[in-house]
Amino acid sequence: MDNLRYHSVVSTIIAQKLHTTMVPRPFLSSCVDDCLARGTDLANGGAHYNVGPVLTGIGLAVVANSLAVIKKLVFEDKVTTLAELDAAMNADWQGYEDLRAKALAVPKYGNDDDYVDAIARDIANFYYEKTRAHKDIFGSNFNSAFMGISNYIPTGRVVGATPCGRNAGKPITEGVSPFAGSDVVSPLAAMRSSAKMNHDVHTGGTLLNLRLSEDLVKTQKGKRDLGNIIRAYFSLGAFHVQFNTLSNEVLRKAQKHPEDYKDLLVRVAGYSTQFVNLSPEMQEAVIARTAHETI
């Protein structure tokens, strides 16, 4: 993590330096306090407040789930070793199906289980502390975030199998969302897991993606319930949650007959777009999310 963070900081600072000479923002500068008074462009630090750059973390749930597997299966239950886990991941779990089943049975982030949620919180806090320690060219501290938009799809392509049972090349996780399909208790449990993160310090944002059954929000009562759980989530100190309420049946029909579903919108990760315009891999990632039947 340290090497990746270091390279992210270096590349960001290089980009900032290039922007000071190559990417002026005259119109935007005219709309920001103090730039005109100082006669200094935004790219050169003319704003009254120069907020530091944001480093966005992705894969939080995968890392937490994987460390929980190592903690339980290797150090507590002693049913495997780090060497065997390493061999299983190098083989993409082929020939290690029994071990993978045990890994999948270990508590997963997104189910309001402190066994793994506490690990996720420690990782998030560590990421914030390390990120915040760096300053940009204007002397502003870097900021942390767990957003990632849809970066978790291409990133997953180059990440091998992980101890949590995930196969090589599969998507990892975005924001503070659970790994797709692993939040099996309820949307409230997923929200409680997410709310355990220290949202206040990740000023670049923290994103939670959830899917609800279409039937769950069809009625007025369902809509009121949805409003209540959103308010409850924010009362726990959380920051950002978004929902899809389309059934797998509808989404599969849209895949087969895209010409009939051109106006079908889905929430991806921080943005909405037409489902039929997404790549097949991104479509499958949306479908893979748990469609909660009850609150």
C-alpha atoms as a PDB file:
ATOM      1  CA  MET A   1       0.000   0.000   0.000  1.00  0.00           C
ATOM      2  CA  ASP A   2       2.807   2.414   0.860  1.00  0.00           C
ATOM      3  CA  ASN A   3       4.412   2.111  -2.595  1.00  0.00           C
ATOM      4  CA  LEU A   4       1.093   2.670  -4.364  1.00  0.00           C
ATOM      5  CA  ARG A   5       0.285   5.628  -2.142  1.00  0.00           C
ATOM      6  CA  TYR A   6       3.738   7.115  -2.710  1.00  0.00           C
ATOM      7  CA  HIS A   7       3.438   6.854  -6.498  1.00  0.00           C
ATOM      8  CA  SER A   8      -0.064   8.368  -6.325  1.00  0.00           C
ATOM      9  CA  VAL A   9       1.280  11.336  -4.372  1.00  0.00           C
ATOM     10  CA  VAL A  10       4.217  11.840  -6.735  1.00  0.00           C
ATOM     11  CA  SER A  11       2.065  11.654  -9.861  1.00  0.00           C
ATOM     12  CA  THR A  12      -0.493  14.050  -8.361  1.00  0.00           C
ATOM     13  CA  ILE A  13       2.169  16.626  -7.495  1.00  0.00           C
ATOM     14  CA  ILE A  14       3.703  16.348 -10.970  1.00  0.00           C
ATOM     15  CA  ALA A  15       0.242  16.913 -12.467  1.00  0.00           C
ATOM     16  CA  GLN A  16      -0.268  19.958 -10.234  1.00  0.00           C
ATOM     17  CA  LYS A  17       3.045  21.448 -11.367  1.00  0.00           C
ATOM     18  CA  LEU A  18       2.165  20.869 -15.009  1.00  0.00           C
ATOM     19  CA  HIS A  19      -1.231  22.509 -14.503  1.00  0.00           C
ATOM     20  CA  THR A  20       0.396  25.711 -13.226  1.00  0.00           C
ATOM     21  CA  THR A  21       1.995  26.283 -16.625  1.00  0.00           C
ATOM     22  CA  MET A  22      -0.128  24.280 -19.081  1.00  0.00           C
ATOM     23  CA  VAL A  23      -3.736  24.152 -17.804  1.00  0.00           C
ATOM     24  CA  PRO A  24      -4.934  27.589 -16.676  1.00  0.00           C
ATOM     25  CA  ARG A  25      -8.603  27.939 -15.677  1.00  0.00           C
ATOM     26  CA  PRO A  26      -9.481  31.613 -16.323  1.00  0.00           C
ATOM     27  CA  PHE A  27     -13.279  31.294 -16.330  1.00  0.00           C
ATOM     28  CA  LEU A  28     -13.450  29.020 -13.296  1.00  0.00           C
ATOM     29  CA  SER A  29     -10.947  31.262 -11.519  1.00  0.00           C
ATOM     30  CA  SER A  30     -13.256  34.247 -12.064  1.00  0.00           C
ATOM     31  CA  CYS A  31     -15.979  32.413 -10.121  1.00  0.00           C
ATOM     32  CA  VAL A  32     -13.829  31.555  -7.099  1.00  0.00           C
ATOM     33  CA  ASP A  33     -13.167  33.897  -4.183  1.00  0.00           C
ATOM     34  CA  ASP A  34      -9.817  35.769  -4.185  1.00  0.00           C
ATOM     35  CA  CYS A  35      -8.545  34.660  -7.605  1.00  0.00           C
ATOM     36  CA  LEU A  36      -9.472  37.994  -9.255  1.00  0.00           C
ATOM     37  CA  ALA A  37      -8.359  40.050  -6.271  1.00  0.00           C
ATOM     38  CA  ARG A  38      -5.006  38.301  -6.243  1.00  0.00           C
ATOM     39  CA  GLY A  39      -4.721  38.159 -10.021  1.00  0.00           C
ATOM     40  CA  THR A  40      -3.817  34.502  -9.626  1.00  0.00           C
ATOM     41  CA  ASP A  41      -5.293  31.530 -11.456  1.00  0.00           C
ATOM     42  CA  LEU A  42      -6.778  28.546  -9.612  1.00  0.00           C
ATOM     43  CA  ALA A  43      -4.041  26.355 -11.026  1.00  0.00           C
ATOM     44  CA  ASN A  44      -1.508  28.609  -9.292  1.00  0.00           C
ATOM     45  CA  GLY A  45      -3.220  28.604  -5.889  1.00  0.00           C
ATOM     46  CA  GLY A  46      -5.287  31.764  -6.273  1.00  0.00           C
ATOM     47  CA  ALA A  47      -8.311  30.493  -4.362  1.00  0.00           C
ATOM     48  CA  HIS A  48      -9.014  31.626  -0.808  1.00  0.00           C
ATOM     49  CA  TYR A  49      -9.159  27.964   0.189  1.00  0.00           C
ATOM     50  CA  ASN A  50      -6.875  25.526  -1.613  1.00  0.00           C
ATOM     51  CA  VAL A  51      -8.279  22.127  -0.719  1.00  0.00           C
ATOM     52  CA  GLY A  52      -5.750  19.345  -1.102  1.00  0.00           C
ATOM     53  CA  PRO A  53      -5.989  16.582  -3.708  1.00  0.00           C
ATOM     54  CA  VAL A  54      -7.965  13.412  -3.027  1.00  0.00           C
ATOM     55  CA  LEU A  55      -6.549   9.892  -3.100  1.00  0.00           C
ATOM     56  CA  THR A  56      -9.407   7.438  -3.586  1.00  0.00           C
ATOM     57  CA  GLY A  57      -9.155   3.978  -2.058  1.00  0.00           C
ATOM     58  CA  ILE A  58     -10.888   1.004  -3.668  1.00  0.00           C
ATOM     59  CA  GLY A  59     -11.158  -2.624  -2.588  1.00  0.00           C
ATOM     60  CA  LEU A  60     -11.789  -1.938   1.107  1.00  0.00           C
ATOM     61  CA  ALA A  61     -14.210  -4.846   1.586  1.00  0.00           C
ATOM     62  CA  VAL A  62     -12.017  -7.319  -0.318  1.00  0.00           C
ATOM     63  CA  VAL A  63      -8.999  -6.471   1.826  1.00  0.00           C
ATOM     64  CA  ALA A  64     -11.006  -6.626   5.072  1.00  0.00           C
ATOM     65  CA  ASN A  65     -12.618  -9.940   4.102  1.00  0.00           C
ATOM     66  CA  SER A  66      -9.247 -11.375   3.104  1.00  0.00           C
ATOM     67  CA  LEU A  67      -7.545 -10.367   6.346  1.00  0.00           C
ATOM     68  CA  ALA A  68     -10.485 -11.842   8.281  1.00  0.00           C
ATOM     69  CA  VAL A  69      -9.933 -15.162   6.479  1.00  0.00           C
ATOM     70  CA  ILE A  70      -6.224 -15.145   7.334  1.00  0.00           C
ATOM     71  CA  LYS A  71      -6.982 -14.238  10.960  1.00  0.00           C
ATOM     72  CA  LYS A  72      -9.560 -16.990  11.412  1.00  0.00           C
ATOM     73  CA  LEU A  73      -8.360 -19.886   9.265  1.00  0.00           C
ATOM     74  CA  VAL A  74      -4.609 -19.483   9.763  1.00  0.00           C
ATOM     75  CA  PHE A  75      -4.139 -18.018  13.236  1.00  0.00           C
ATOM     76  CA  GLU A  76      -7.295 -18.935  15.158  1.00  0.00           C
ATOM     77  CA  ASP A  77      -8.702 -22.185  13.765  1.00  0.00           C
ATOM     78  CA  LYS A  78      -5.337 -23.289  12.304  1.00  0.00           C
ATOM     79  CA  VAL A  79      -7.052 -25.215   9.472  1.00  0.00           C
ATOM     80  CA  THR A  80      -4.608 -23.939   6.864  1.00  0.00           C
ATOM     81  CA  THR A  81      -1.309 -22.089   6.506  1.00  0.00           C
ATOM     82  CA  LEU A  82      -0.224 -18.953   4.733  1.00  0.00           C
ATOM     83  CA  ALA A  83       1.739 -21.154   2.336  1.00  0.00           C
ATOM     84  CA  GLU A  84      -1.353 -23.183   1.450  1.00  0.00           C
ATOM     85  CA  LEU A  85      -3.452 -20.033   1.023  1.00  0.00           C
ATOM     86  CA  ASP A  86      -0.769 -18.629  -1.253  1.00  0.00           C
ATOM     87  CA  ALA A  87      -0.776 -21.813  -3.335  1.00  0.00           C
ATOM     88  CA  ALA A  88      -4.577 -21.742  -3.542  1.00  0.00           C
ATOM     89  CA  MET A  89      -4.578 -18.168  -4.795  1.00  0.00           C
ATOM     90  CA  ASN A  90      -1.823 -18.862  -7.321  1.00  0.00           C
ATOM     91  CA  ALA A  91      -4.021 -21.696  -8.614  1.00  0.00           C
ATOM     92  CA  ASP A  92      -7.083 -19.419  -8.621  1.00  0.00           C
ATOM     93  CA  TRP A  93      -8.608 -21.854  -6.115  1.00  0.00           C
ATOM     94  CA  GLN A  94      -8.530 -24.734  -8.628  1.00  0.00           C
ATOM     95  CA  GLY A  95      -7.970 -27.912  -6.622  1.00  0.00           C
ATOM     96  CA  TYR A  96      -8.611 -26.027  -3.362  1.00  0.00           C
ATOM     97  CA  GLU A  97     -12.404 -26.044  -3.428  1.00  0.00           C
ATOM     98  CA  ASP A  98     -12.759 -27.199   0.189  1.00  0.00           C
ATOM     99  CA  LEU A  99     -10.449 -24.461   1.418  1.00  0.00           C
ATOM    100  CA  ARG A 100     -12.321 -21.888  -0.651  1.00  0.00           C
ATOM    101  CA  ALA A 101     -15.602 -23.026   0.929  1.00  0.00           C
ATOM    102  CA  LYS A 102     -14.088 -22.424   4.367  1.00  0.00           C
ATOM    103  CA  ALA A 103     -12.862 -18.996   3.265  1.00  0.00           C
ATOM    104  CA  LEU A 104     -16.293 -18.064   1.955  1.00  0.00           C
ATOM    105  CA  ALA A 105     -17.834 -19.107   5.291  1.00  0.00           C
ATOM    106  CA  VAL A 106     -15.713 -16.625   7.282  1.00  0.00           C
ATOM    107  CA  PRO A 107     -17.710 -13.478   8.275  1.00  0.00           C
ATOM    108  CA  LYS A 108     -17.875 -10.907   5.504  1.00  0.00           C
ATOM    109  CA  TYR A 109     -18.008  -7.123   5.702  1.00  0.00           C
ATOM    110  CA  GLY A 110     -21.518  -5.784   5.124  1.00  0.00           C
ATOM    111  CA  ASN A 111     -23.393  -7.972   7.605  1.00  0.00           C
ATOM    112  CA  ASP A 112     -22.922  -5.891  10.783  1.00  0.00           C
ATOM    113  CA  ASP A 113     -20.330  -8.305  12.167  1.00  0.00           C
ATOM    114  CA  ASP A 114     -17.571  -6.614  14.160  1.00  0.00           C
ATOM    115  CA  TYR A 115     -15.228  -9.539  13.511  1.00  0.00           C
ATOM    116  CA  VAL A 116     -14.586  -8.213  10.009  1.00  0.00           C
ATOM    117  CA  ASP A 117     -16.036  -4.691  10.239  1.00  0.00           C
ATOM    118  CA  ALA A 118     -13.395  -3.735  12.808  1.00  0.00           C
ATOM    119  CA  ILE A 119     -10.692  -4.785  10.336  1.00  0.00           C
ATOM    120  CA  ALA A 120     -12.270  -2.629   7.627  1.00  0.00           C
ATOM    121  CA  ARG A 121     -12.364   0.338  10.007  1.00  0.00           C
ATOM    122  CA  ASP A 122      -8.688  -0.110  10.918  1.00  0.00           C
ATOM    123  CA  ILE A 123      -7.728  -0.262   7.240  1.00  0.00           C
ATOM    124  CA  ALA A 124      -9.754   2.866   6.450  1.00  0.00           C
ATOM    125  CA  ASN A 125      -8.205   4.763   9.378  1.00  0.00           C
ATOM    126  CA  PHE A 126      -4.711   3.666   8.349  1.00  0.00           C
ATOM    127  CA  TYR A 127      -5.359   4.808   4.787  1.00  0.00           C
ATOM    128  CA  TYR A 128      -6.519   8.208   6.036  1.00  0.00           C
ATOM    129  CA  GLU A 129      -3.506   8.701   8.314  1.00  0.00           C
ATOM    130  CA  LYS A 130      -0.986   7.793   5.623  1.00  0.00           C
ATOM    131  CA  THR A 131      -2.724   9.879   2.955  1.00  0.00           C
ATOM    132  CA  ARG A 132      -3.183  12.910   5.175  1.00  0.00           C
ATOM    133  CA  ALA A 133       0.530  12.962   6.000  1.00  0.00           C
ATOM    134  CA  HIS A 134       1.398  14.294   2.521  1.00  0.00           C
ATOM    135  CA  LYS A 135       1.108  17.887   1.280  1.00  0.00           C
ATOM    136  CA  ASP A 136       0.608  19.239  -2.232  1.00  0.00           C
ATOM    137  CA  ILE A 137       2.486  22.090  -3.939  1.00  0.00           C
ATOM    138  CA  PHE A 138       0.385  24.685  -2.084  1.00  0.00           C
ATOM    139  CA  GLY A 139       1.036  23.150   1.317  1.00  0.00           C
ATOM    140  CA  SER A 140      -2.424  21.602   1.637  1.00  0.00           C
ATOM    141  CA  ASN A 141      -2.789  18.120   3.064  1.00  0.00           C
ATOM    142  CA  PHE A 142      -3.935  15.325   0.798  1.00  0.00           C
ATOM    143  CA  ASN A 143      -7.446  14.025   1.486  1.00  0.00           C
ATOM    144  CA  SER A 144      -8.683  10.445   1.519  1.00  0.00           C
ATOM    145  CA  ALA A 145     -11.843   8.995   0.003  1.00  0.00           C
ATOM    146  CA  PHE A 146     -13.519   5.682  -0.661  1.00  0.00           C
ATOM    147  CA  MET A 147     -15.369   6.334  -3.898  1.00  0.00           C
ATOM    148  CA  GLY A 148     -13.670   4.948  -6.998  1.00  0.00           C
ATOM    149  CA  ILE A 149     -16.670   5.309  -9.345  1.00  0.00           C
ATOM    150  CA  SER A 150     -16.276   2.188 -11.579  1.00  0.00           C
ATOM    151  CA  ASN A 151     -12.504   1.797 -11.198  1.00  0.00           C
ATOM    152  CA  TYR A 152     -13.064  -1.389  -9.238  1.00  0.00           C
ATOM    153  CA  ILE A 153     -13.892  -3.230 -12.471  1.00  0.00           C
ATOM    154  CA  PRO A 154     -10.623  -2.654 -14.430  1.00  0.00           C
ATOM    155  CA  THR A 155      -8.593  -2.852 -11.213  1.00  0.00           C
ATOM    156  CA  GLY A 156     -10.074  -6.259 -10.508  1.00  0.00           C
ATOM    157  CA  ARG A 157      -8.897  -7.491 -13.904  1.00  0.00           C
ATOM    158  CA  VAL A 158      -5.259  -7.179 -12.847  1.00  0.00           C
ATOM    159  CA  VAL A 159      -5.683  -8.443  -9.268  1.00  0.00           C
ATOM    160  CA  GLY A 160      -5.184 -12.155  -8.679  1.00  0.00           C
ATOM    161  CA  ALA A 161      -7.325 -14.379  -6.502  1.00  0.00           C
ATOM    162  CA  THR A 162      -7.720 -13.140  -2.937  1.00  0.00           C
ATOM    163  CA  PRO A 163      -7.990 -15.008   0.416  1.00  0.00           C
ATOM    164  CA  CYS A 164     -11.681 -14.071   0.769  1.00  0.00           C
ATOM    165  CA  GLY A 165     -12.538 -16.564  -1.979  1.00  0.00           C
ATOM    166  CA  ARG A 166     -12.693 -14.105  -4.870  1.00  0.00           C
ATOM    167  CA  ASN A 167     -11.393 -15.421  -8.197  1.00  0.00           C
ATOM    168  CA  ALA A 168      -8.610 -13.764 -10.178  1.00  0.00           C
ATOM    169  CA  GLY A 169      -9.700 -10.998 -12.523  1.00  0.00           C
ATOM    170  CA  LYS A 170     -13.095 -10.501 -10.921  1.00  0.00           C
ATOM    171  CA  PRO A 171     -14.213  -7.040  -9.741  1.00  0.00           C
ATOM    172  CA  ILE A 172     -13.056  -5.933  -6.324  1.00  0.00           C
ATOM    173  CA  THR A 173     -15.185  -3.419  -4.380  1.00  0.00           C
ATOM    174  CA  GLU A 174     -16.011   0.259  -4.652  1.00  0.00           C
ATOM    175  CA  GLY A 175     -16.368   2.794  -1.875  1.00  0.00           C
ATOM    176  CA  VAL A 176     -17.466   1.371   1.462  1.00  0.00           C
ATOM    177  CA  SER A 177     -19.754  -1.143  -0.258  1.00  0.00           C
ATOM    178  CA  PRO A 178     -19.753  -4.864   0.555  1.00  0.00           C
ATOM    179  CA  PHE A 179     -18.341  -7.350  -1.935  1.00  0.00           C
ATOM    180  CA  ALA A 180     -21.095  -8.125  -4.447  1.00  0.00           C
ATOM    181  CA  GLY A 181     -23.416 -10.796  -3.129  1.00  0.00           C
ATOM    182  CA  SER A 182     -21.749 -11.092   0.288  1.00  0.00           C
ATOM    183  CA  ASP A 183     -24.130  -8.788   2.196  1.00  0.00           C
ATOM    184  CA  VAL A 184     -26.626 -11.540   2.968  1.00  0.00           C
ATOM    185  CA  VAL A 185     -28.335 -10.260   6.129  1.00  0.00           C
ATOM    186  CA  SER A 186     -30.189  -7.079   5.193  1.00  0.00           C
ATOM    187  CA  PRO A 187     -29.624  -3.602   3.759  1.00  0.00           C
ATOM    188  CA  LEU A 188     -29.732  -2.278   7.330  1.00  0.00           C
ATOM    189  CA  ALA A 189     -26.870  -4.594   8.288  1.00  0.00           C
ATOM    190  CA  ALA A 190     -24.856  -3.397   5.276  1.00  0.00           C
ATOM    191  CA  MET A 191     -25.524   0.192   6.308  1.00  0.00           C
ATOM    192  CA  ARG A 192     -24.461  -0.482   9.896  1.00  0.00           C
ATOM    193  CA  SER A 193     -21.196  -1.999   8.665  1.00  0.00           C
ATOM    194  CA  SER A 194     -20.539   1.013   6.467  1.00  0.00           C
ATOM    195  CA  ALA A 195     -21.455   3.465   9.224  1.00  0.00           C
ATOM    196  CA  LYS A 196     -18.687   2.030  11.404  1.00  0.00           C
ATOM    197  CA  MET A 197     -16.149   3.711   9.116  1.00  0.00           C
ATOM    198  CA  ASN A 198     -15.041   7.197  10.191  1.00  0.00           C
ATOM    199  CA  HIS A 199     -16.854   9.048   7.410  1.00  0.00           C
ATOM    200  CA  ASP A 200     -16.009  12.497   8.759  1.00  0.00           C
ATOM    201  CA  VAL A 201     -12.305  12.232   7.972  1.00  0.00           C
ATOM    202  CA  HIS A 202     -12.664  10.915   4.408  1.00  0.00           C
ATOM    203  CA  THR A 203     -13.543  14.314   3.026  1.00  0.00           C
ATOM    204  CA  GLY A 204     -13.261  13.125  -0.579  1.00  0.00           C
ATOM    205  CA  GLY A 205     -16.369  11.007   0.010  1.00  0.00           C
ATOM    206  CA  THR A 206     -17.513   7.545   1.016  1.00  0.00           C
ATOM    207  CA  LEU A 207     -19.889   5.668  -1.270  1.00  0.00           C
ATOM    208  CA  LEU A 208     -22.250   2.820  -0.417  1.00  0.00           C
ATOM    209  CA  ASN A 209     -24.034   0.948  -3.235  1.00  0.00           C
ATOM    210  CA  LEU A 210     -27.088  -1.136  -2.384  1.00  0.00           C
ATOM    211  CA  ARG A 211     -29.738  -3.023  -4.344  1.00  0.00           C
ATOM    212  CA  LEU A 212     -33.316  -3.440  -3.146  1.00  0.00           C
ATOM    213  CA  SER A 213     -36.015  -5.698  -4.498  1.00  0.00           C
ATOM    214  CA  GLU A 214     -38.359  -3.892  -6.854  1.00  0.00           C
ATOM    215  CA  ASP A 215     -41.337  -4.997  -4.762  1.00  0.00           C
ATOM    216  CA  LEU A 216     -39.811  -3.529  -1.617  1.00  0.00           C
ATOM    217  CA  VAL A 217     -40.330   0.070  -2.752  1.00  0.00           C
ATOM    218  CA  LYS A 218     -43.471  -0.249  -4.875  1.00  0.00           C
ATOM    219  CA  THR A 219     -45.890   0.755  -2.133  1.00  0.00           C
ATOM    220  CA  GLN A 220     -46.163   3.994  -0.200  1.00  0.00           C
ATOM    221  CA  LYS A 221     -45.139   2.103   2.921  1.00  0.00           C
ATOM    222  CA  GLY A 222     -42.069   0.801   1.104  1.00  0.00           C
ATOM    223  CA  LYS A 223     -41.103   4.318   0.082  1.00  0.00           C
ATOM    224  CA  ARG A 224     -41.564   5.552   3.664  1.00  0.00           C
ATOM    225  CA  ASP A 225     -39.456   2.672   4.933  1.00  0.00           C
ATOM    226  CA  LEU A 226     -36.726   3.585   2.449  1.00  0.00           C
ATOM    227  CA  GLY A 227     -36.752   7.178   3.640  1.00  0.00           C
ATOM    228  CA  ASN A 228     -36.534   6.015   7.241  1.00  0.00           C
ATOM    229  CA  ILE A 229     -33.537   3.763   6.681  1.00  0.00           C
ATOM    230  CA  ILE A 230     -31.721   6.538   4.809  1.00  0.00           C
ATOM    231  CA  ARG A 231     -32.308   8.915   7.729  1.00  0.00           C
ATOM    232  CA  ALA A 232     -31.184   6.232  10.161  1.00  0.00           C
ATOM    233  CA  TYR A 233     -28.006   5.663   8.133  1.00  0.00           C
ATOM    234  CA  PHE A 234     -27.110   9.346   8.168  1.00  0.00           C
ATOM    235  CA  SER A 235     -27.895   9.566  11.891  1.00  0.00           C
ATOM    236  CA  LEU A 236     -25.061   7.057  12.416  1.00  0.00           C
ATOM    237  CA  GLY A 237     -22.627   9.522  10.860  1.00  0.00           C
ATOM    238  CA  ALA A 238     -22.571   8.079   7.343  1.00  0.00           C
ATOM    239  CA  PHE A 239     -22.239  10.155   4.195  1.00  0.00           C
ATOM    240  CA  HIS A 240     -23.507   8.689   0.913  1.00  0.00           C
ATOM    241  CA  VAL A 241     -25.811   5.823  -0.080  1.00  0.00           C
ATOM    242  CA  GLN A 242     -27.452   5.029  -3.418  1.00  0.00           C
ATOM    243  CA  PHE A 243     -29.832   2.336  -4.581  1.00  0.00           C
ATOM    244  CA  ASN A 244     -30.895   0.280  -7.573  1.00  0.00           C
ATOM    245  CA  THR A 245     -34.380  -1.224  -7.441  1.00  0.00           C
ATOM    246  CA  LEU A 246     -34.521  -3.090 -10.764  1.00  0.00           C
ATOM    247  CA  SER A 247     -35.057  -6.845 -10.808  1.00  0.00           C
ATOM    248  CA  ASN A 248     -32.635  -9.302 -12.378  1.00  0.00           C
ATOM    249  CA  GLU A 249     -35.439 -10.281 -14.746  1.00  0.00           C
ATOM    250  CA  VAL A 250     -35.668  -6.761 -16.149  1.00  0.00           C
ATOM    251  CA  LEU A 251     -31.896  -6.383 -16.381  1.00  0.00           C
ATOM    252  CA  ARG A 252     -31.505  -9.714 -18.193  1.00  0.00           C
ATOM    253  CA  LYS A 253     -34.226  -8.717 -20.656  1.00  0.00           C
ATOM    254  CA  ALA A 254     -32.366  -5.466 -21.265  1.00  0.00           C
ATOM    255  CA  GLN A 255     -29.207  -7.447 -22.056  1.00  0.00           C
ATOM    256  CA  LYS A 256     -31.041  -9.611 -24.584  1.00  0.00           C
ATOM    257  CA  HIS A 257     -33.111  -6.826 -26.164  1.00  0.00           C
ATOM    258  CA  PRO A 258     -31.197  -3.546 -25.642  1.00  0.00           C
ATOM    259  CA  GLU A 259     -33.253  -1.834 -28.348  1.00  0.00           C
ATOM    260  CA  ASP A 260     -36.318  -2.077 -26.075  1.00  0.00           C
ATOM    261  CA  TYR A 261     -34.578  -0.697 -22.973  1.00  0.00           C
ATOM    262  CA  LYS A 262     -32.691   2.366 -24.191  1.00  0.00           C
ATOM    263  CA  ASP A 263     -34.134   4.543 -21.402  1.00  0.00           C
ATOM    264  CA  LEU A 264     -33.449   2.095 -18.552  1.00  0.00           C
ATOM    265  CA  LEU A 265     -31.262   3.901 -16.027  1.00  0.00           C
ATOM    266  CA  VAL A 266     -29.114   2.289 -13.349  1.00  0.00           C
ATOM    267  CA  ARG A 267     -26.997   3.734 -10.601  1.00  0.00           C
ATOM    268  CA  VAL A 268     -23.439   2.508 -11.158  1.00  0.00           C
ATOM    269  CA  ALA A 269     -21.097   4.059  -8.594  1.00  0.00           C
ATOM    270  CA  GLY A 270     -21.463   7.783  -8.139  1.00  0.00           C
ATOM    271  CA  TYR A 271     -23.273   8.261 -11.432  1.00  0.00           C
ATOM    272  CA  SER A 272     -26.333   7.048 -13.330  1.00  0.00           C
ATOM    273  CA  THR A 273     -26.395   5.923 -16.946  1.00  0.00           C
ATOM    274  CA  GLN A 274     -28.331   3.823 -19.434  1.00  0.00           C
ATOM    275  CA  PHE A 275     -27.911   0.169 -18.549  1.00  0.00           C
ATOM    276  CA  VAL A 276     -27.610  -0.895 -22.199  1.00  0.00           C
ATOM    277  CA  ASN A 277     -24.638   1.443 -22.710  1.00  0.00           C
ATOM    278  CA  LEU A 278     -22.569  -0.244 -20.008  1.00  0.00           C
ATOM    279  CA  SER A 279     -19.977  -2.854 -20.908  1.00  0.00           C
ATOM    280  CA  PRO A 280     -21.119  -6.478 -20.403  1.00  0.00           C
ATOM    281  CA  GLU A 281     -18.697  -6.708 -17.469  1.00  0.00           C
ATOM    282  CA  MET A 282     -20.158  -3.623 -15.789  1.00  0.00           C
ATOM    283  CA  GLN A 283     -23.688  -4.908 -16.401  1.00  0.00           C
ATOM    284  CA  GLU A 284     -22.806  -8.178 -14.680  1.00  0.00           C
ATOM    285  CA  ALA A 285     -21.254  -6.279 -11.771  1.00  0.00           C
ATOM    286  CA  VAL A 286     -24.542  -4.421 -11.209  1.00  0.00           C
ATOM    287  CA  ILE A 287     -26.552  -7.648 -11.436  1.00  0.00           C
ATOM    288  CA  ALA A 288     -24.189  -9.415  -9.006  1.00  0.00           C
ATOM    289  CA  ARG A 289     -25.096  -7.059  -6.153  1.00  0.00           C
ATOM    290  CA  THR A 290     -27.412  -8.532  -3.542  1.00  0.00           C
ATOM    291  CA  ALA A 291     -31.042  -7.659  -4.294  1.00  0.00           C
ATOM    292  CA  HIS A 292     -32.402  -7.389  -0.748  1.00  0.00           C
ATOM    293  CA  GLU A 293     -35.972  -8.659  -0.375  1.00  0.00           C
ATOM    294  CA  THR A 294     -36.589  -7.218   3.104  1.00  0.00           C
ATOM    295  CA  ILE A 295     -35.365  -4.307   5.175  1.00  0.00           C
END
